[in-house]
Structure formats: structure tokens, C-alpha cells
Amino acid sequence: MQAKSMSHAFKRHQNYVLGTIVGCIISYAILSINFSPIAISILLVIFNSLIYWKINTNFLVGNFFTTPMAILISKLSNPLLNNEAIPERFAAILIGTSIGILSVYVLNYLQKKCM
């Protein structure tokens, strides 16, 4: 949760979670189609390009593609992967970003207290 201010960190947290929700929806759509490993590899290149293209200009939209990319990488390593991985990914993102934003608040509080 690197950010220049508390409000920026909170906005990033929100954008990351919203981006993950959209990414989960995209992932459900992708996993409902039985793609070959070559097609999955092509999708990975497309998603990676979209992330690099959008992440600096629109953090929210850039994060739409991180979850499908992570799920597809997992699908390549485990072809039997099904939709169960998507809620697990969402839970991991929610827990991780919550810990991150909580850490930002605690560190900000401690920094102000020491000054």
C-alpha cells in the first residue's frame, strides 16, 4: 500500500479491492471456457500488456487484469483448477490489503506521536 498520503493509501486500497472484484468476474468468464494451454498463454500476454498499459494511468482499471492473470498462471500449472480458486484469490487480496492499510494507519499514528 505505498502511497504519498493516508487518503491516497485508502483510495489505492479501495481501487485494488474493486479491481479484484472485476477481475474475479472476468476470471469466472474465462474459466467457464475450456482454453488450450496455448490460448491461455496468449491471454496471459494480453492481460500482462493491459496491466502495464493501464496501471500507471488508472490503477483501478489496471487491477482488473491482475486476478485473471494470476488465475490463468495457476491454471497452467494445474489444469484441473476450477472456479474454487477465484473466491480464495479474493479472500487473499482482501486480507492482504486490509493488513496493508491497517499497517499504514498504525505507522502514520506512530510517526505523528513521535513528532
PDB file of N, CA and C in Angstrom:
ATOM      1  N   MET A   1       0.819  -1.182   0.000  1.00  0.00           N
ATOM      2  CA  MET A   1       0.000   0.000   0.000  1.00  0.00           C
ATOM      3  C   MET A   1       0.868   1.253   0.000  1.00  0.00           C
ATOM      4  N   GLN A   2       1.824   1.316  -0.872  1.00  0.00           N
ATOM      5  CA  GLN A   2       2.658   2.503  -0.959  1.00  0.00           C
ATOM      6  C   GLN A   2       1.816   3.654  -1.492  1.00  0.00           C
ATOM      7  N   ALA A   3       1.922   4.779  -0.822  1.00  0.00           N
ATOM      8  CA  ALA A   3       1.166   5.953  -1.228  1.00  0.00           C
ATOM      9  C   ALA A   3       1.815   7.185  -0.626  1.00  0.00           C
ATOM     10  N   LYS A   4       1.461   8.342  -1.185  1.00  0.00           N
ATOM     11  CA  LYS A   4       2.055   9.582  -0.688  1.00  0.00           C
ATOM     12  C   LYS A   4       1.323  10.165   0.511  1.00  0.00           C
ATOM     13  N   SER A   5       0.099   9.702   0.771  1.00  0.00           N
ATOM     14  CA  SER A   5      -0.662  10.197   1.923  1.00  0.00           C
ATOM     15  C   SER A   5      -1.649   9.118   2.374  1.00  0.00           C
ATOM     16  N   MET A   6      -2.263   9.363   3.522  1.00  0.00           N
ATOM     17  CA  MET A   6      -3.251   8.417   4.044  1.00  0.00           C
ATOM     18  C   MET A   6      -4.450   8.283   3.102  1.00  0.00           C
ATOM     19  N   SER A   7      -4.922   9.409   2.596  1.00  0.00           N
ATOM     20  CA  SER A   7      -6.081   9.349   1.703  1.00  0.00           C
ATOM     21  C   SER A   7      -5.732   8.609   0.412  1.00  0.00           C
ATOM     22  N   HIS A   8      -4.509   8.812  -0.066  1.00  0.00           N
ATOM     23  CA  HIS A   8      -4.061   8.113  -1.275  1.00  0.00           C
ATOM     24  C   HIS A   8      -3.963   6.606  -1.014  1.00  0.00           C
ATOM     25  N   ALA A   9      -3.473   6.211   0.153  1.00  0.00           N
ATOM     26  CA  ALA A   9      -3.374   4.790   0.512  1.00  0.00           C
ATOM     27  C   ALA A   9      -4.765   4.164   0.594  1.00  0.00           C
ATOM     28  N   PHE A  10      -5.720   4.885   1.189  1.00  0.00           N
ATOM     29  CA  PHE A  10      -7.075   4.360   1.305  1.00  0.00           C
ATOM     30  C   PHE A  10      -7.718   4.216  -0.073  1.00  0.00           C
ATOM     31  N   LYS A  11      -7.489   5.205  -0.940  1.00  0.00           N
ATOM     32  CA  LYS A  11      -8.035   5.142  -2.297  1.00  0.00           C
ATOM     33  C   LYS A  11      -7.435   3.965  -3.057  1.00  0.00           C
ATOM     34  N   ARG A  12      -6.132   3.748  -2.896  1.00  0.00           N
ATOM     35  CA  ARG A  12      -5.475   2.598  -3.544  1.00  0.00           C
ATOM     36  C   ARG A  12      -6.070   1.290  -3.040  1.00  0.00           C
ATOM     37  N   HIS A  13      -6.306   1.227  -1.742  1.00  0.00           N
ATOM     38  CA  HIS A  13      -6.912   0.027  -1.147  1.00  0.00           C
ATOM     39  C   HIS A  13      -8.275  -0.240  -1.792  1.00  0.00           C
ATOM     40  N   GLN A  14      -9.095   0.788  -1.877  1.00  0.00           N
ATOM     41  CA  GLN A  14     -10.415   0.644  -2.489  1.00  0.00           C
ATOM     42  C   GLN A  14     -10.297   0.208  -3.948  1.00  0.00           C
ATOM     43  N   ASN A  15      -9.413   0.873  -4.691  1.00  0.00           N
ATOM     44  CA  ASN A  15      -9.242   0.540  -6.101  1.00  0.00           C
ATOM     45  C   ASN A  15      -8.753  -0.890  -6.291  1.00  0.00           C
ATOM     46  N   TYR A  16      -7.865  -1.327  -5.419  1.00  0.00           N
ATOM     47  CA  TYR A  16      -7.331  -2.681  -5.536  1.00  0.00           C
ATOM     48  C   TYR A  16      -8.422  -3.714  -5.284  1.00  0.00           C
ATOM     49  N   VAL A  17      -9.251  -3.470  -4.279  1.00  0.00           N
ATOM     50  CA  VAL A  17     -10.341  -4.405  -3.977  1.00  0.00           C
ATOM     51  C   VAL A  17     -11.389  -4.380  -5.090  1.00  0.00           C
ATOM     52  N   LEU A  18     -11.765  -3.193  -5.565  1.00  0.00           N
ATOM     53  CA  LEU A  18     -12.733  -3.109  -6.666  1.00  0.00           C
ATOM     54  C   LEU A  18     -12.182  -3.751  -7.933  1.00  0.00           C
ATOM     55  N   GLY A  19     -10.909  -3.504  -8.217  1.00  0.00           N
ATOM     56  CA  GLY A  19     -10.268  -4.138  -9.370  1.00  0.00           C
ATOM     57  C   GLY A  19     -10.265  -5.649  -9.252  1.00  0.00           C
ATOM     58  N   THR A  20     -10.077  -6.142  -8.046  1.00  0.00           N
ATOM     59  CA  THR A  20     -10.095  -7.587  -7.811  1.00  0.00           C
ATOM     60  C   THR A  20     -11.490  -8.160  -8.030  1.00  0.00           C
ATOM     61  N   ILE A  21     -12.519  -7.434  -7.617  1.00  0.00           N
ATOM     62  CA  ILE A  21     -13.895  -7.897  -7.837  1.00  0.00           C
ATOM     63  C   ILE A  21     -14.167  -8.038  -9.332  1.00  0.00           C
ATOM     64  N   VAL A  22     -13.812  -7.011 -10.099  1.00  0.00           N
ATOM     65  CA  VAL A  22     -13.998  -7.077 -11.553  1.00  0.00           C
ATOM     66  C   VAL A  22     -13.140  -8.201 -12.136  1.00  0.00           C
ATOM     67  N   GLY A  23     -11.918  -8.325 -11.640  1.00  0.00           N
ATOM     68  CA  GLY A  23     -11.034  -9.396 -12.097  1.00  0.00           C
ATOM     69  C   GLY A  23     -11.599 -10.778 -11.812  1.00  0.00           C
ATOM     70  N   CYS A  24     -12.277 -10.933 -10.684  1.00  0.00           N
ATOM     71  CA  CYS A  24     -12.911 -12.220 -10.355  1.00  0.00           C
ATOM     72  C   CYS A  24     -14.028 -12.541 -11.343  1.00  0.00           C
ATOM     73  N   ILE A  25     -14.785 -11.534 -11.717  1.00  0.00           N
ATOM     74  CA  ILE A  25     -15.855 -11.733 -12.704  1.00  0.00           C
ATOM     75  C   ILE A  25     -15.257 -12.152 -14.045  1.00  0.00           C
ATOM     76  N   ILE A  26     -14.195 -11.464 -14.460  1.00  0.00           N
ATOM     77  CA  ILE A  26     -13.506 -11.832 -15.704  1.00  0.00           C
ATOM     78  C   ILE A  26     -12.971 -13.262 -15.599  1.00  0.00           C
ATOM     79  N   SER A  27     -12.425 -13.608 -14.450  1.00  0.00           N
ATOM     80  CA  SER A  27     -11.874 -14.955 -14.247  1.00  0.00           C
ATOM     81  C   SER A  27     -12.951 -16.027 -14.349  1.00  0.00           C
ATOM     82  N   TYR A  28     -14.132 -15.768 -13.763  1.00  0.00           N
ATOM     83  CA  TYR A  28     -15.233 -16.727 -13.885  1.00  0.00           C
ATOM     84  C   TYR A  28     -15.586 -16.944 -15.356  1.00  0.00           C
ATOM     85  N   ALA A  29     -15.632 -15.844 -16.121  1.00  0.00           N
ATOM     86  CA  ALA A  29     -15.961 -15.953 -17.547  1.00  0.00           C
ATOM     87  C   ALA A  29     -14.900 -16.762 -18.293  1.00  0.00           C
ATOM     88  N   ILE A  30     -13.645 -16.501 -17.986  1.00  0.00           N
ATOM     89  CA  ILE A  30     -12.555 -17.203 -18.678  1.00  0.00           C
ATOM     90  C   ILE A  30     -12.534 -18.686 -18.313  1.00  0.00           C
ATOM     91  N   LEU A  31     -12.699 -19.004 -17.033  1.00  0.00           N
ATOM     92  CA  LEU A  31     -12.644 -20.408 -16.618  1.00  0.00           C
ATOM     93  C   LEU A  31     -13.864 -21.208 -17.075  1.00  0.00           C
ATOM     94  N   SER A  32     -14.928 -20.517 -17.483  1.00  0.00           N
ATOM     95  CA  SER A  32     -16.097 -21.238 -17.988  1.00  0.00           C
ATOM     96  C   SER A  32     -15.854 -21.765 -19.405  1.00  0.00           C
ATOM     97  N   ILE A  33     -14.795 -21.245 -20.054  1.00  0.00           N
ATOM     98  CA  ILE A  33     -14.416 -21.695 -21.393  1.00  0.00           C
ATOM     99  C   ILE A  33     -13.184 -22.580 -21.250  1.00  0.00           C
ATOM    100  N   ASN A  34     -13.176 -23.675 -21.954  1.00  0.00           N
ATOM    101  CA  ASN A  34     -12.052 -24.604 -21.871  1.00  0.00           C
ATOM    102  C   ASN A  34     -10.978 -24.204 -22.892  1.00  0.00           C
ATOM    103  N   PHE A  35     -10.023 -23.371 -22.452  1.00  0.00           N
ATOM    104  CA  PHE A  35      -8.954 -22.913 -23.335  1.00  0.00           C
ATOM    105  C   PHE A  35      -7.795 -23.901 -23.343  1.00  0.00           C
ATOM    106  N   SER A  36      -7.116 -23.964 -24.474  1.00  0.00           N
ATOM    107  CA  SER A  36      -5.895 -24.774 -24.565  1.00  0.00           C
ATOM    108  C   SER A  36      -4.757 -24.029 -23.868  1.00  0.00           C
ATOM    109  N   PRO A  37      -3.677 -24.726 -23.526  1.00  0.00           N
ATOM    110  CA  PRO A  37      -2.529 -24.039 -22.910  1.00  0.00           C
ATOM    111  C   PRO A  37      -1.964 -22.911 -23.780  1.00  0.00           C
ATOM    112  N   ILE A  38      -2.000 -23.071 -25.091  1.00  0.00           N
ATOM    113  CA  ILE A  38      -1.524 -22.011 -25.995  1.00  0.00           C
ATOM    114  C   ILE A  38      -2.435 -20.787 -25.885  1.00  0.00           C
ATOM    115  N   ALA A  39      -3.737 -21.006 -25.884  1.00  0.00           N
ATOM    116  CA  ALA A  39      -4.687 -19.892 -25.759  1.00  0.00           C
ATOM    117  C   ALA A  39      -4.527 -19.196 -24.410  1.00  0.00           C
ATOM    118  N   ILE A  40      -4.301 -19.965 -23.355  1.00  0.00           N
ATOM    119  CA  ILE A  40      -4.076 -19.370 -22.032  1.00  0.00           C
ATOM    120  C   ILE A  40      -2.812 -18.522 -22.049  1.00  0.00           C
ATOM    121  N   SER A  41      -1.778 -19.008 -22.712  1.00  0.00           N
ATOM    122  CA  SER A  41      -0.529 -18.241 -22.812  1.00  0.00           C
ATOM    123  C   SER A  41      -0.744 -16.929 -23.555  1.00  0.00           C
ATOM    124  N   ILE A  42      -1.538 -16.969 -24.602  1.00  0.00           N
ATOM    125  CA  ILE A  42      -1.844 -15.747 -25.356  1.00  0.00           C
ATOM    126  C   ILE A  42      -2.640 -14.780 -24.480  1.00  0.00           C
ATOM    127  N   LEU A  43      -3.610 -15.299 -23.737  1.00  0.00           N
ATOM    128  CA  LEU A  43      -4.376 -14.448 -22.812  1.00  0.00           C
ATOM    129  C   LEU A  43      -3.468 -13.825 -21.757  1.00  0.00           C
ATOM    130  N   LEU A  44      -2.499 -14.585 -21.272  1.00  0.00           N
ATOM    131  CA  LEU A  44      -1.554 -14.045 -20.284  1.00  0.00           C
ATOM    132  C   LEU A  44      -0.764 -12.877 -20.851  1.00  0.00           C
ATOM    133  N   VAL A  45      -0.323 -12.992 -22.085  1.00  0.00           N
ATOM    134  CA  VAL A  45       0.416 -11.895 -22.725  1.00  0.00           C
ATOM    135  C   VAL A  45      -0.494 -10.675 -22.871  1.00  0.00           C
ATOM    136  N   ILE A  46      -1.739 -10.903 -23.268  1.00  0.00           N
ATOM    137  CA  ILE A  46      -2.691  -9.792 -23.425  1.00  0.00           C
ATOM    138  C   ILE A  46      -2.956  -9.118 -22.077  1.00  0.00           C
ATOM    139  N   PHE A  47      -3.239  -9.908 -21.045  1.00  0.00           N
ATOM    140  CA  PHE A  47      -3.506  -9.329 -19.724  1.00  0.00           C
ATOM    141  C   PHE A  47      -2.288  -8.594 -19.176  1.00  0.00           C
ATOM    142  N   ASN A  48      -1.118  -9.164 -19.356  1.00  0.00           N
ATOM    143  CA  ASN A  48       0.100  -8.505 -18.884  1.00  0.00           C
ATOM    144  C   ASN A  48       0.302  -7.169 -19.597  1.00  0.00           C
ATOM    145  N   SER A  49       0.048  -7.137 -20.898  1.00  0.00           N
ATOM    146  CA  SER A  49       0.162  -5.888 -21.660  1.00  0.00           C
ATOM    147  C   SER A  49      -0.848  -4.855 -21.171  1.00  0.00           C
ATOM    148  N   LEU A  50      -2.073  -5.300 -20.914  1.00  0.00           N
ATOM    149  CA  LEU A  50      -3.101  -4.381 -20.418  1.00  0.00           C
ATOM    150  C   LEU A  50      -2.738  -3.822 -19.047  1.00  0.00           C
ATOM    151  N   ILE A  51      -2.155  -4.655 -18.198  1.00  0.00           N
ATOM    152  CA  ILE A  51      -1.736  -4.178 -16.875  1.00  0.00           C
ATOM    153  C   ILE A  51      -0.689  -3.088 -17.024  1.00  0.00           C
ATOM    154  N   TYR A  52       0.357  -3.359 -17.809  1.00  0.00           N
ATOM    155  CA  TYR A  52       1.420  -2.367 -17.984  1.00  0.00           C
ATOM    156  C   TYR A  52       0.912  -1.104 -18.662  1.00  0.00           C
ATOM    157  N   TRP A  53      -0.069  -1.242 -19.539  1.00  0.00           N
ATOM    158  CA  TRP A  53      -0.599  -0.090 -20.255  1.00  0.00           C
ATOM    159  C   TRP A  53      -1.434   0.804 -19.335  1.00  0.00           C
ATOM    160  N   LYS A  54      -2.218   0.203 -18.427  1.00  0.00           N
ATOM    161  CA  LYS A  54      -3.166   0.988 -17.643  1.00  0.00           C
ATOM    162  C   LYS A  54      -2.760   1.284 -16.203  1.00  0.00           C
ATOM    163  N   ILE A  55      -1.884   0.504 -15.590  1.00  0.00           N
ATOM    164  CA  ILE A  55      -1.655   0.613 -14.146  1.00  0.00           C
ATOM    165  C   ILE A  55      -1.155   1.997 -13.725  1.00  0.00           C
ATOM    166  N   ASN A  56      -0.352   2.648 -14.551  1.00  0.00           N
ATOM    167  CA  ASN A  56       0.168   3.969 -14.174  1.00  0.00           C
ATOM    168  C   ASN A  56      -0.825   5.098 -14.417  1.00  0.00           C
ATOM    169  N   THR A  57      -1.716   4.910 -15.371  1.00  0.00           N
ATOM    170  CA  THR A  57      -2.683   5.969 -15.656  1.00  0.00           C
ATOM    171  C   THR A  57      -4.006   5.773 -14.917  1.00  0.00           C
ATOM    172  N   ASN A  58      -4.377   4.514 -14.681  1.00  0.00           N
ATOM    173  CA  ASN A  58      -5.620   4.230 -13.966  1.00  0.00           C
ATOM    174  C   ASN A  58      -5.431   2.947 -13.155  1.00  0.00           C
ATOM    175  N   PHE A  59      -5.096   3.109 -11.897  1.00  0.00           N
ATOM    176  CA  PHE A  59      -4.782   1.983 -11.013  1.00  0.00           C
ATOM    177  C   PHE A  59      -5.942   0.996 -10.933  1.00  0.00           C
ATOM    178  N   LEU A  60      -7.160   1.514 -10.889  1.00  0.00           N
ATOM    179  CA  LEU A  60      -8.341   0.657 -10.794  1.00  0.00           C
ATOM    180  C   LEU A  60      -8.453  -0.250 -12.019  1.00  0.00           C
ATOM    181  N   VAL A  61      -8.426   0.336 -13.198  1.00  0.00           N
ATOM    182  CA  VAL A  61      -8.571  -0.445 -14.436  1.00  0.00           C
ATOM    183  C   VAL A  61      -7.393  -1.401 -14.615  1.00  0.00           C
ATOM    184  N   GLY A  62      -6.203  -0.964 -14.266  1.00  0.00           N
ATOM    185  CA  GLY A  62      -5.036  -1.844 -14.356  1.00  0.00           C
ATOM    186  C   GLY A  62      -5.194  -3.091 -13.513  1.00  0.00           C
ATOM    187  N   ASN A  63      -5.848  -2.955 -12.377  1.00  0.00           N
ATOM    188  CA  ASN A  63      -6.042  -4.098 -11.482  1.00  0.00           C
ATOM    189  C   ASN A  63      -7.164  -5.034 -11.915  1.00  0.00           C
ATOM    190  N   PHE A  64      -7.923  -4.656 -12.932  1.00  0.00           N
ATOM    191  CA  PHE A  64      -8.929  -5.572 -13.467  1.00  0.00           C
ATOM    192  C   PHE A  64      -8.270  -6.855 -13.981  1.00  0.00           C
ATOM    193  N   PHE A  65      -7.027  -6.734 -14.429  1.00  0.00           N
ATOM    194  CA  PHE A  65      -6.389  -7.833 -15.151  1.00  0.00           C
ATOM    195  C   PHE A  65      -5.399  -8.634 -14.317  1.00  0.00           C
ATOM    196  N   THR A  66      -5.120  -8.205 -13.084  1.00  0.00           N
ATOM    197  CA  THR A  66      -4.154  -8.950 -12.269  1.00  0.00           C
ATOM    198  C   THR A  66      -4.733 -10.277 -11.769  1.00  0.00           C
ATOM    199  N   THR A  67      -5.987 -10.277 -11.362  1.00  0.00           N
ATOM    200  CA  THR A  67      -6.596 -11.522 -10.879  1.00  0.00           C
ATOM    201  C   THR A  67      -6.751 -12.554 -11.995  1.00  0.00           C
ATOM    202  N   PRO A  68      -7.286 -12.177 -13.173  1.00  0.00           N
ATOM    203  CA  PRO A  68      -7.350 -13.188 -14.238  1.00  0.00           C
ATOM    204  C   PRO A  68      -5.968 -13.729 -14.610  1.00  0.00           C
ATOM    205  N   MET A  69      -4.981 -12.864 -14.577  1.00  0.00           N
ATOM    206  CA  MET A  69      -3.630 -13.318 -14.904  1.00  0.00           C
ATOM    207  C   MET A  69      -3.128 -14.320 -13.865  1.00  0.00           C
ATOM    208  N   ALA A  70      -3.331 -14.023 -12.597  1.00  0.00           N
ATOM    209  CA  ALA A  70      -2.903 -14.944 -11.534  1.00  0.00           C
ATOM    210  C   ALA A  70      -3.645 -16.276 -11.626  1.00  0.00           C
ATOM    211  N   ILE A  71      -4.929 -16.219 -11.906  1.00  0.00           N
ATOM    212  CA  ILE A  71      -5.725 -17.445 -12.023  1.00  0.00           C
ATOM    213  C   ILE A  71      -5.265 -18.264 -13.229  1.00  0.00           C
ATOM    214  N   LEU A  72      -4.982 -17.592 -14.346  1.00  0.00           N
ATOM    215  CA  LEU A  72      -4.542 -18.317 -15.541  1.00  0.00           C
ATOM    216  C   LEU A  72      -3.161 -18.942 -15.356  1.00  0.00           C
ATOM    217  N   ILE A  73      -2.282 -18.261 -14.645  1.00  0.00           N
ATOM    218  CA  ILE A  73      -0.967 -18.852 -14.353  1.00  0.00           C
ATOM    219  C   ILE A  73      -1.157 -20.112 -13.512  1.00  0.00           C
ATOM    220  N   SER A  74      -2.051 -20.034 -12.542  1.00  0.00           N
ATOM    221  CA  SER A  74      -2.348 -21.213 -11.725  1.00  0.00           C
ATOM    222  C   SER A  74      -2.972 -22.324 -12.566  1.00  0.00           C
ATOM    223  N   LYS A  75      -3.812 -21.931 -13.512  1.00  0.00           N
ATOM    224  CA  LYS A  75      -4.462 -22.911 -14.396  1.00  0.00           C
ATOM    225  C   LYS A  75      -3.431 -23.638 -15.256  1.00  0.00           C
ATOM    226  N   LEU A  76      -2.397 -22.923 -15.699  1.00  0.00           N
ATOM    227  CA  LEU A  76      -1.349 -23.575 -16.487  1.00  0.00           C
ATOM    228  C   LEU A  76      -0.596 -24.617 -15.664  1.00  0.00           C
ATOM    229  N   SER A  77      -0.365 -24.304 -14.397  1.00  0.00           N
ATOM    230  CA  SER A  77       0.378 -25.250 -13.560  1.00  0.00           C
ATOM    231  C   SER A  77      -0.505 -26.385 -13.032  1.00  0.00           C
ATOM    232  N   ASN A  78      -1.812 -26.139 -12.969  1.00  0.00           N
ATOM    233  CA  ASN A  78      -2.749 -27.162 -12.500  1.00  0.00           C
ATOM    234  C   ASN A  78      -3.980 -27.144 -13.406  1.00  0.00           C
ATOM    235  N   PRO A  79      -3.971 -27.936 -14.482  1.00  0.00           N
ATOM    236  CA  PRO A  79      -5.084 -27.920 -15.441  1.00  0.00           C
ATOM    237  C   PRO A  79      -6.446 -28.272 -14.831  1.00  0.00           C
ATOM    238  N   LEU A  80      -6.457 -28.911 -13.675  1.00  0.00           N
ATOM    239  CA  LEU A  80      -7.724 -29.276 -13.034  1.00  0.00           C
ATOM    240  C   LEU A  80      -8.313 -28.148 -12.191  1.00  0.00           C
ATOM    241  N   LEU A  81      -7.635 -27.007 -12.165  1.00  0.00           N
ATOM    242  CA  LEU A  81      -8.104 -25.858 -11.383  1.00  0.00           C
ATOM    243  C   LEU A  81      -9.497 -25.449 -11.851  1.00  0.00           C
ATOM    244  N   ASN A  82     -10.371 -25.177 -10.903  1.00  0.00           N
ATOM    245  CA  ASN A  82     -11.719 -24.741 -11.254  1.00  0.00           C
ATOM    246  C   ASN A  82     -12.020 -23.405 -10.579  1.00  0.00           C
ATOM    247  N   ASN A  83     -13.290 -23.062 -10.551  1.00  0.00           N
ATOM    248  CA  ASN A  83     -13.703 -21.757 -10.020  1.00  0.00           C
ATOM    249  C   ASN A  83     -13.456 -21.574  -8.530  1.00  0.00           C
ATOM    250  N   GLU A  84     -13.113 -22.636  -7.808  1.00  0.00           N
ATOM    251  CA  GLU A  84     -12.869 -22.513  -6.368  1.00  0.00           C
ATOM    252  C   GLU A  84     -11.693 -21.591  -6.061  1.00  0.00           C
ATOM    253  N   ALA A  85     -10.781 -21.457  -7.000  1.00  0.00           N
ATOM    254  CA  ALA A  85      -9.606 -20.612  -6.783  1.00  0.00           C
ATOM    255  C   ALA A  85      -9.965 -19.127  -6.765  1.00  0.00           C
ATOM    256  N   ILE A  86     -11.056 -18.760  -7.384  1.00  0.00           N
ATOM    257  CA  ILE A  86     -11.407 -17.340  -7.504  1.00  0.00           C
ATOM    258  C   ILE A  86     -11.813 -16.741  -6.154  1.00  0.00           C
ATOM    259  N   PRO A  87     -12.730 -17.343  -5.391  1.00  0.00           N
ATOM    260  CA  PRO A  87     -13.025 -16.775  -4.065  1.00  0.00           C
ATOM    261  C   PRO A  87     -11.812 -16.790  -3.135  1.00  0.00           C
ATOM    262  N   GLU A  88     -10.970 -17.809  -3.287  1.00  0.00           N
ATOM    263  CA  GLU A  88      -9.746 -17.856  -2.480  1.00  0.00           C
ATOM    264  C   GLU A  88      -8.837 -16.680  -2.818  1.00  0.00           C
ATOM    265  N   ARG A  89      -8.732 -16.363  -4.096  1.00  0.00           N
ATOM    266  CA  ARG A  89      -7.926 -15.214  -4.525  1.00  0.00           C
ATOM    267  C   ARG A  89      -8.515 -13.928  -3.940  1.00  0.00           C
ATOM    268  N   PHE A  90      -9.835 -13.784  -4.007  1.00  0.00           N
ATOM    269  CA  PHE A  90     -10.475 -12.586  -3.474  1.00  0.00           C
ATOM    270  C   PHE A  90     -10.230 -12.461  -1.973  1.00  0.00           C
ATOM    271  N   ALA A  91     -10.377 -13.559  -1.255  1.00  0.00           N
ATOM    272  CA  ALA A  91     -10.142 -13.532   0.197  1.00  0.00           C
ATOM    273  C   ALA A  91      -8.698 -13.157   0.508  1.00  0.00           C
ATOM    274  N   ALA A  92      -7.764 -13.708  -0.247  1.00  0.00           N
ATOM    275  CA  ALA A  92      -6.346 -13.389  -0.025  1.00  0.00           C
ATOM    276  C   ALA A  92      -6.068 -11.913  -0.276  1.00  0.00           C
ATOM    277  N   ILE A  93      -6.652 -11.361  -1.331  1.00  0.00           N
ATOM    278  CA  ILE A  93      -6.471  -9.933  -1.636  1.00  0.00           C
ATOM    279  C   ILE A  93      -7.096  -9.084  -0.539  1.00  0.00           C
ATOM    280  N   LEU A  94      -8.289  -9.433  -0.118  1.00  0.00           N
ATOM    281  CA  LEU A  94      -8.979  -8.667   0.923  1.00  0.00           C
ATOM    282  C   LEU A  94      -8.200  -8.691   2.237  1.00  0.00           C
ATOM    283  N   ILE A  95      -7.722  -9.848   2.635  1.00  0.00           N
ATOM    284  CA  ILE A  95      -6.940  -9.960   3.874  1.00  0.00           C
ATOM    285  C   ILE A  95      -5.625  -9.199   3.744  1.00  0.00           C
ATOM    286  N   GLY A  96      -4.929  -9.407   2.638  1.00  0.00           N
ATOM    287  CA  GLY A  96      -3.631  -8.754   2.444  1.00  0.00           C
ATOM    288  C   GLY A  96      -3.719  -7.240   2.388  1.00  0.00           C
ATOM    289  N   THR A  97      -4.690  -6.716   1.645  1.00  0.00           N
ATOM    290  CA  THR A  97      -4.817  -5.261   1.560  1.00  0.00           C
ATOM    291  C   THR A  97      -5.304  -4.667   2.874  1.00  0.00           C
ATOM    292  N   SER A  98      -6.132  -5.404   3.603  1.00  0.00           N
ATOM    293  CA  SER A  98      -6.581  -4.916   4.915  1.00  0.00           C
ATOM    294  C   SER A  98      -5.418  -4.831   5.898  1.00  0.00           C
ATOM    295  N   ILE A  99      -4.556  -5.837   5.882  1.00  0.00           N
ATOM    296  CA  ILE A  99      -3.355  -5.780   6.723  1.00  0.00           C
ATOM    297  C   ILE A  99      -2.481  -4.603   6.300  1.00  0.00           C
ATOM    298  N   GLY A 100      -2.354  -4.408   4.998  1.00  0.00           N
ATOM    299  CA  GLY A 100      -1.548  -3.297   4.490  1.00  0.00           C
ATOM    300  C   GLY A 100      -2.090  -1.942   4.909  1.00  0.00           C
ATOM    301  N   ILE A 101      -3.398  -1.734   4.766  1.00  0.00           N
ATOM    302  CA  ILE A 101      -3.981  -0.439   5.115  1.00  0.00           C
ATOM    303  C   ILE A 101      -3.947  -0.228   6.620  1.00  0.00           C
ATOM    304  N   LEU A 102      -4.128  -1.284   7.403  1.00  0.00           N
ATOM    305  CA  LEU A 102      -4.013  -1.186   8.858  1.00  0.00           C
ATOM    306  C   LEU A 102      -2.588  -0.796   9.249  1.00  0.00           C
ATOM    307  N   SER A 103      -1.614  -1.375   8.589  1.00  0.00           N
ATOM    308  CA  SER A 103      -0.210  -1.028   8.851  1.00  0.00           C
ATOM    309  C   SER A 103       0.068   0.432   8.531  1.00  0.00           C
ATOM    310  N   VAL A 104      -0.518   0.921   7.449  1.00  0.00           N
ATOM    311  CA  VAL A 104      -0.345   2.330   7.087  1.00  0.00           C
ATOM    312  C   VAL A 104      -0.899   3.220   8.194  1.00  0.00           C
ATOM    313  N   TYR A 105      -2.082   2.900   8.697  1.00  0.00           N
ATOM    314  CA  TYR A 105      -2.682   3.694   9.776  1.00  0.00           C
ATOM    315  C   TYR A 105      -1.832   3.655  11.043  1.00  0.00           C
ATOM    316  N   VAL A 106      -1.366   2.473  11.420  1.00  0.00           N
ATOM    317  CA  VAL A 106      -0.553   2.337  12.636  1.00  0.00           C
ATOM    318  C   VAL A 106       0.754   3.105  12.491  1.00  0.00           C
ATOM    319  N   LEU A 107       1.436   2.933  11.372  1.00  0.00           N
ATOM    320  CA  LEU A 107       2.705   3.639  11.168  1.00  0.00           C
ATOM    321  C   LEU A 107       2.505   5.149  11.114  1.00  0.00           C
ATOM    322  N   ASN A 108       1.419   5.589  10.502  1.00  0.00           N
ATOM    323  CA  ASN A 108       1.127   7.020  10.456  1.00  0.00           C
ATOM    324  C   ASN A 108       0.868   7.557  11.862  1.00  0.00           C
ATOM    325  N   TYR A 109       0.124   6.808  12.668  1.00  0.00           N
ATOM    326  CA  TYR A 109      -0.152   7.202  14.048  1.00  0.00           C
ATOM    327  C   TYR A 109       1.143   7.289  14.851  1.00  0.00           C
ATOM    328  N   LEU A 110       1.986   6.265  14.740  1.00  0.00           N
ATOM    329  CA  LEU A 110       3.249   6.250  15.480  1.00  0.00           C
ATOM    330  C   LEU A 110       4.178   7.378  15.039  1.00  0.00           C
ATOM    331  N   GLN A 111       4.165   7.662  13.747  1.00  0.00           N
ATOM    332  CA  GLN A 111       5.005   8.745  13.240  1.00  0.00           C
ATOM    333  C   GLN A 111       4.545  10.092  13.801  1.00  0.00           C
ATOM    334  N   LYS A 112       3.245  10.323  13.834  1.00  0.00           N
ATOM    335  CA  LYS A 112       2.721  11.578  14.378  1.00  0.00           C
ATOM    336  C   LYS A 112       2.959  11.676  15.880  1.00  0.00           C
ATOM    337  N   LYS A 113       2.877  10.554  16.567  1.00  0.00           N
ATOM    338  CA  LYS A 113       3.073  10.535  18.012  1.00  0.00           C
ATOM    339  C   LYS A 113       4.524  10.863  18.377  1.00  0.00           C
ATOM    340  N   CYS A 114       5.464  10.422  17.568  1.00  0.00           N
ATOM    341  CA  CYS A 114       6.890  10.654  17.845  1.00  0.00           C
ATOM    342  C   CYS A 114       7.332  12.068  17.498  1.00  0.00           C
ATOM    343  N   MET A 115       6.546  12.783  16.736  1.00  0.00           N
ATOM    344  CA  MET A 115       6.953  14.136  16.323  1.00  0.00           C
ATOM    345  C   MET A 115       6.525  15.175  17.297  1.00  0.00           C
TER     346      MET A 115
END
